[in-house]
Amino acid sequence: MARENLVKMKCEVCKSINNFTTRNKKKLKEKLVLKKHCKKCKKHTVHKEMK
Protein backbone atom coordinates (compact mmCIF):
# COMPACT_ATOMS: atom_id res chain seq x y z
CA MET A 1 0.00 0.00 0.00
CA ALA A 2 1.19 3.49 -0.77
CA ARG A 3 1.89 5.41 2.38
CA GLU A 4 0.31 8.68 1.19
CA ASN A 5 -3.03 6.91 0.59
CA LEU A 6 -3.06 5.12 3.96
CA VAL A 7 -5.56 6.41 6.55
CA LYS A 8 -6.25 5.44 10.18
CA MET A 9 -9.73 4.34 11.20
CA LYS A 10 -11.03 5.10 14.71
CA CYS A 11 -13.85 3.18 16.38
CA GLU A 12 -16.72 5.43 17.43
CA VAL A 13 -17.67 3.22 20.40
CA CYS A 14 -14.38 2.62 22.21
CA LYS A 15 -12.33 5.39 20.47
CA SER A 16 -9.42 3.06 19.63
CA ILE A 17 -7.40 3.26 16.41
CA ASN A 18 -7.43 -0.32 15.19
CA ASN A 19 -7.93 -0.35 11.40
CA PHE A 20 -6.07 1.05 8.42
CA THR A 21 -7.34 1.44 4.87
CA THR A 22 -6.56 3.38 1.70
CA ARG A 23 -8.43 6.10 -0.11
CA ASN A 24 -7.80 8.25 -3.14
CA LYS A 25 -7.50 11.73 -1.63
CA LYS A 26 -7.79 13.43 -5.03
CA LYS A 27 -11.21 11.91 -5.77
CA LEU A 28 -12.72 11.64 -2.26
CA LYS A 29 -12.60 14.98 -0.46
CA GLU A 30 -14.72 14.01 2.58
CA LYS A 31 -13.58 11.66 5.33
CA LEU A 32 -14.39 7.95 5.15
CA VAL A 33 -17.04 6.38 7.38
CA LEU A 34 -17.09 2.58 7.24
CA LYS A 35 -18.55 -0.22 9.29
CA LYS A 36 -15.63 -2.45 10.34
CA HIS A 37 -14.89 -5.09 12.96
CA CYS A 38 -13.37 -3.70 16.16
CA LYS A 39 -10.99 -6.03 18.00
CA LYS A 40 -11.61 -4.30 21.33
CA CYS A 41 -15.44 -4.23 21.15
CA LYS A 42 -15.55 -7.64 19.42
CA LYS A 43 -18.33 -6.54 17.05
CA HIS A 44 -18.92 -4.50 13.90
CA THR A 45 -19.04 -0.78 14.65
CA VAL A 46 -18.81 2.49 12.75
CA HIS A 47 -15.24 3.60 12.11
CA LYS A 48 -14.37 7.13 11.01
CA GLU A 49 -11.20 8.32 9.37
CA MET A 50 -8.94 10.34 11.61
CA LYS A 51 -5.98 12.62 10.95
PDB file of N, CA and C in Angstrom:
ATOM      1  N   MET A   1       0.845  -1.183   0.000  1.00  0.00           N
ATOM      2  CA  MET A   1       0.000   0.000   0.000  1.00  0.00           C
ATOM      3  C   MET A   1       0.888   1.244   0.000  1.00  0.00           C
ATOM      4  N   ALA A   2       0.451   2.231  -0.747  1.00  0.00           N
ATOM      5  CA  ALA A   2       1.194   3.487  -0.771  1.00  0.00           C
ATOM      6  C   ALA A   2       0.944   4.250   0.518  1.00  0.00           C
ATOM      7  N   ARG A   3       1.986   4.772   1.080  1.00  0.00           N
ATOM      8  CA  ARG A   3       1.889   5.412   2.384  1.00  0.00           C
ATOM      9  C   ARG A   3       1.052   6.692   2.358  1.00  0.00           C
ATOM     10  N   GLU A   4       1.081   7.429   1.248  1.00  0.00           N
ATOM     11  CA  GLU A   4       0.314   8.677   1.193  1.00  0.00           C
ATOM     12  C   GLU A   4      -1.191   8.438   1.090  1.00  0.00           C
ATOM     13  N   ASN A   5      -1.606   7.240   0.686  1.00  0.00           N
ATOM     14  CA  ASN A   5      -3.027   6.911   0.587  1.00  0.00           C
ATOM     15  C   ASN A   5      -3.548   6.191   1.827  1.00  0.00           C
ATOM     16  N   LEU A   6      -2.680   5.868   2.766  1.00  0.00           N
ATOM     17  CA  LEU A   6      -3.056   5.119   3.955  1.00  0.00           C
ATOM     18  C   LEU A   6      -3.715   6.040   4.983  1.00  0.00           C
ATOM     19  N   VAL A   7      -4.861   5.628   5.534  1.00  0.00           N
ATOM     20  CA  VAL A   7      -5.558   6.415   6.554  1.00  0.00           C
ATOM     21  C   VAL A   7      -5.882   5.531   7.756  1.00  0.00           C
ATOM     22  N   LYS A   8      -5.909   6.142   8.939  1.00  0.00           N
ATOM     23  CA  LYS A   8      -6.250   5.442  10.180  1.00  0.00           C
ATOM     24  C   LYS A   8      -7.757   5.498  10.381  1.00  0.00           C
ATOM     25  N   MET A   9      -8.306   4.404  10.901  1.00  0.00           N
ATOM     26  CA  MET A   9      -9.730   4.343  11.203  1.00  0.00           C
ATOM     27  C   MET A   9      -9.905   4.215  12.712  1.00  0.00           C
ATOM     28  N   LYS A  10     -10.804   5.046  13.267  1.00  0.00           N
ATOM     29  CA  LYS A  10     -11.028   5.097  14.706  1.00  0.00           C
ATOM     30  C   LYS A  10     -12.441   4.616  15.023  1.00  0.00           C
ATOM     31  N   CYS A  11     -12.554   3.703  15.966  1.00  0.00           N
ATOM     32  CA  CYS A  11     -13.852   3.177  16.384  1.00  0.00           C
ATOM     33  C   CYS A  11     -14.628   4.274  17.118  1.00  0.00           C
ATOM     34  N   GLU A  12     -15.890   4.411  16.795  1.00  0.00           N
ATOM     35  CA  GLU A  12     -16.720   5.431  17.431  1.00  0.00           C
ATOM     36  C   GLU A  12     -17.229   4.997  18.803  1.00  0.00           C
ATOM     37  N   VAL A  13     -17.183   3.717  19.114  1.00  0.00           N
ATOM     38  CA  VAL A  13     -17.671   3.217  20.398  1.00  0.00           C
ATOM     39  C   VAL A  13     -16.586   3.305  21.459  1.00  0.00           C
ATOM     40  N   CYS A  14     -15.439   2.671  21.195  1.00  0.00           N
ATOM     41  CA  CYS A  14     -14.378   2.618  22.207  1.00  0.00           C
ATOM     42  C   CYS A  14     -13.249   3.615  21.943  1.00  0.00           C
ATOM     43  N   LYS A  15     -13.300   4.337  20.829  1.00  0.00           N
ATOM     44  CA  LYS A  15     -12.332   5.388  20.473  1.00  0.00           C
ATOM     45  C   LYS A  15     -10.913   4.863  20.249  1.00  0.00           C
ATOM     46  N   SER A  16     -10.760   3.595  19.889  1.00  0.00           N
ATOM     47  CA  SER A  16      -9.421   3.056  19.635  1.00  0.00           C
ATOM     48  C   SER A  16      -9.128   3.075  18.136  1.00  0.00           C
ATOM     49  N   ILE A  17      -7.857   3.272  17.796  1.00  0.00           N
ATOM     50  CA  ILE A  17      -7.404   3.256  16.407  1.00  0.00           C
ATOM     51  C   ILE A  17      -6.957   1.834  16.126  1.00  0.00           C
ATOM     52  N   ASN A  18      -7.751   1.087  15.366  1.00  0.00           N
ATOM     53  CA  ASN A  18      -7.430  -0.324  15.187  1.00  0.00           C
ATOM     54  C   ASN A  18      -7.545  -0.815  13.754  1.00  0.00           C
ATOM     55  N   ASN A  19      -7.846   0.050  12.797  1.00  0.00           N
ATOM     56  CA  ASN A  19      -7.928  -0.351  11.403  1.00  0.00           C
ATOM     57  C   ASN A  19      -7.244   0.677  10.528  1.00  0.00           C
ATOM     58  N   PHE A  20      -6.692   0.192   9.421  1.00  0.00           N
ATOM     59  CA  PHE A  20      -6.071   1.054   8.419  1.00  0.00           C
ATOM     60  C   PHE A  20      -6.645   0.697   7.068  1.00  0.00           C
ATOM     61  N   THR A  21      -6.828   1.678   6.212  1.00  0.00           N
ATOM     62  CA  THR A  21      -7.342   1.442   4.872  1.00  0.00           C
ATOM     63  C   THR A  21      -6.764   2.506   3.947  1.00  0.00           C
ATOM     64  N   THR A  22      -7.054   2.398   2.668  1.00  0.00           N
ATOM     65  CA  THR A  22      -6.556   3.376   1.702  1.00  0.00           C
ATOM     66  C   THR A  22      -7.730   4.135   1.103  1.00  0.00           C
ATOM     67  N   ARG A  23      -7.429   5.340   0.640  1.00  0.00           N
ATOM     68  CA  ARG A  23      -8.426   6.103  -0.109  1.00  0.00           C
ATOM     69  C   ARG A  23      -7.702   7.040  -1.057  1.00  0.00           C
ATOM     70  N   ASN A  24      -8.341   7.325  -2.170  1.00  0.00           N
ATOM     71  CA  ASN A  24      -7.802   8.250  -3.144  1.00  0.00           C
ATOM     72  C   ASN A  24      -8.181   9.659  -2.701  1.00  0.00           C
ATOM     73  N   LYS A  25      -7.223  10.415  -2.199  1.00  0.00           N
ATOM     74  CA  LYS A  25      -7.496  11.733  -1.632  1.00  0.00           C
ATOM     75  C   LYS A  25      -7.826  12.779  -2.690  1.00  0.00           C
ATOM     76  N   LYS A  26      -7.470  12.499  -3.950  1.00  0.00           N
ATOM     77  CA  LYS A  26      -7.795  13.432  -5.034  1.00  0.00           C
ATOM     78  C   LYS A  26      -9.260  13.327  -5.440  1.00  0.00           C
ATOM     79  N   LYS A  27      -9.823  12.115  -5.370  1.00  0.00           N
ATOM     80  CA  LYS A  27     -11.215  11.908  -5.770  1.00  0.00           C
ATOM     81  C   LYS A  27     -12.192  12.076  -4.617  1.00  0.00           C
ATOM     82  N   LEU A  28     -11.843  11.560  -3.431  1.00  0.00           N
ATOM     83  CA  LEU A  28     -12.723  11.639  -2.263  1.00  0.00           C
ATOM     84  C   LEU A  28     -12.250  12.760  -1.345  1.00  0.00           C
ATOM     85  N   LYS A  29     -12.986  13.831  -1.284  1.00  0.00           N
ATOM     86  CA  LYS A  29     -12.601  14.976  -0.464  1.00  0.00           C
ATOM     87  C   LYS A  29     -13.063  14.833   0.986  1.00  0.00           C
ATOM     88  N   GLU A  30     -14.213  14.170   1.226  1.00  0.00           N
ATOM     89  CA  GLU A  30     -14.722  14.012   2.581  1.00  0.00           C
ATOM     90  C   GLU A  30     -14.072  12.811   3.253  1.00  0.00           C
ATOM     91  N   LYS A  31     -14.185  12.744   4.564  1.00  0.00           N
ATOM     92  CA  LYS A  31     -13.583  11.657   5.331  1.00  0.00           C
ATOM     93  C   LYS A  31     -14.409  10.382   5.197  1.00  0.00           C
ATOM     94  N   LEU A  32     -13.730   9.250   5.272  1.00  0.00           N
ATOM     95  CA  LEU A  32     -14.387   7.951   5.154  1.00  0.00           C
ATOM     96  C   LEU A  32     -15.136   7.592   6.432  1.00  0.00           C
ATOM     97  N   VAL A  33     -16.276   6.947   6.260  1.00  0.00           N
ATOM     98  CA  VAL A  33     -17.037   6.377   7.376  1.00  0.00           C
ATOM     99  C   VAL A  33     -17.424   4.972   6.939  1.00  0.00           C
ATOM    100  N   LEU A  34     -16.847   3.972   7.603  1.00  0.00           N
ATOM    101  CA  LEU A  34     -17.089   2.578   7.242  1.00  0.00           C
ATOM    102  C   LEU A  34     -17.490   1.774   8.467  1.00  0.00           C
ATOM    103  N   LYS A  35     -18.209   0.695   8.218  1.00  0.00           N
ATOM    104  CA  LYS A  35     -18.552  -0.224   9.291  1.00  0.00           C
ATOM    105  C   LYS A  35     -17.540  -1.353   9.246  1.00  0.00           C
ATOM    106  N   LYS A  36     -16.704  -1.461  10.293  1.00  0.00           N
ATOM    107  CA  LYS A  36     -15.635  -2.450  10.342  1.00  0.00           C
ATOM    108  C   LYS A  36     -15.664  -3.187  11.675  1.00  0.00           C
ATOM    109  N   HIS A  37     -14.952  -4.299  11.728  1.00  0.00           N
ATOM    110  CA  HIS A  37     -14.889  -5.087  12.957  1.00  0.00           C
ATOM    111  C   HIS A  37     -13.861  -4.479  13.903  1.00  0.00           C
ATOM    112  N   CYS A  38     -14.254  -4.237  15.138  1.00  0.00           N
ATOM    113  CA  CYS A  38     -13.368  -3.696  16.164  1.00  0.00           C
ATOM    114  C   CYS A  38     -12.888  -4.848  17.036  1.00  0.00           C
ATOM    115  N   LYS A  39     -11.571  -4.954  17.198  1.00  0.00           N
ATOM    116  CA  LYS A  39     -10.993  -6.032  18.001  1.00  0.00           C
ATOM    117  C   LYS A  39     -11.270  -5.836  19.486  1.00  0.00           C
ATOM    118  N   LYS A  40     -11.359  -4.584  19.921  1.00  0.00           N
ATOM    119  CA  LYS A  40     -11.614  -4.297  21.332  1.00  0.00           C
ATOM    120  C   LYS A  40     -13.077  -4.544  21.712  1.00  0.00           C
ATOM    121  N   CYS A  41     -13.997  -4.058  20.885  1.00  0.00           N
ATOM    122  CA  CYS A  41     -15.437  -4.226  21.146  1.00  0.00           C
ATOM    123  C   CYS A  41     -15.934  -5.627  20.785  1.00  0.00           C
ATOM    124  N   LYS A  42     -15.196  -6.305  19.913  1.00  0.00           N
ATOM    125  CA  LYS A  42     -15.545  -7.644  19.418  1.00  0.00           C
ATOM    126  C   LYS A  42     -16.883  -7.669  18.683  1.00  0.00           C
ATOM    127  N   LYS A  43     -17.142  -6.594  17.897  1.00  0.00           N
ATOM    128  CA  LYS A  43     -18.330  -6.542  17.047  1.00  0.00           C
ATOM    129  C   LYS A  43     -18.109  -5.508  15.952  1.00  0.00           C
ATOM    130  N   HIS A  44     -19.008  -5.464  14.994  1.00  0.00           N
ATOM    131  CA  HIS A  44     -18.920  -4.504  13.895  1.00  0.00           C
ATOM    132  C   HIS A  44     -19.464  -3.160  14.378  1.00  0.00           C
ATOM    133  N   THR A  45     -18.646  -2.129  14.233  1.00  0.00           N
ATOM    134  CA  THR A  45     -19.037  -0.781  14.649  1.00  0.00           C
ATOM    135  C   THR A  45     -18.658   0.212  13.563  1.00  0.00           C
ATOM    136  N   VAL A  46     -19.144   1.430  13.691  1.00  0.00           N
ATOM    137  CA  VAL A  46     -18.814   2.492  12.754  1.00  0.00           C
ATOM    138  C   VAL A  46     -17.406   2.987  13.049  1.00  0.00           C
ATOM    139  N   HIS A  47     -16.603   3.074  12.008  1.00  0.00           N
ATOM    140  CA  HIS A  47     -15.241   3.600  12.114  1.00  0.00           C
ATOM    141  C   HIS A  47     -15.128   4.834  11.225  1.00  0.00           C
ATOM    142  N   LYS A  48     -14.561   5.899  11.765  1.00  0.00           N
ATOM    143  CA  LYS A  48     -14.368   7.128  11.006  1.00  0.00           C
ATOM    144  C   LYS A  48     -12.886   7.368  10.796  1.00  0.00           C
ATOM    145  N   GLU A  49     -12.579   7.987   9.676  1.00  0.00           N
ATOM    146  CA  GLU A  49     -11.204   8.320   9.366  1.00  0.00           C
ATOM    147  C   GLU A  49     -10.729   9.430  10.295  1.00  0.00           C
ATOM    148  N   MET A  50      -9.501   9.291  10.769  1.00  0.00           N
ATOM    149  CA  MET A  50      -8.942  10.341  11.608  1.00  0.00           C
ATOM    150  C   MET A  50      -7.660  10.858  10.995  1.00  0.00           C
ATOM    151  N   LYS A  51      -7.160  11.968  11.497  1.00  0.00           N
ATOM    152  CA  LYS A  51      -5.981  12.619  10.953  1.00  0.00           C
ATOM    153  C   LYS A  51      -4.740  11.834  11.202  1.00  0.00           C
TER     154      LYS A  51
END
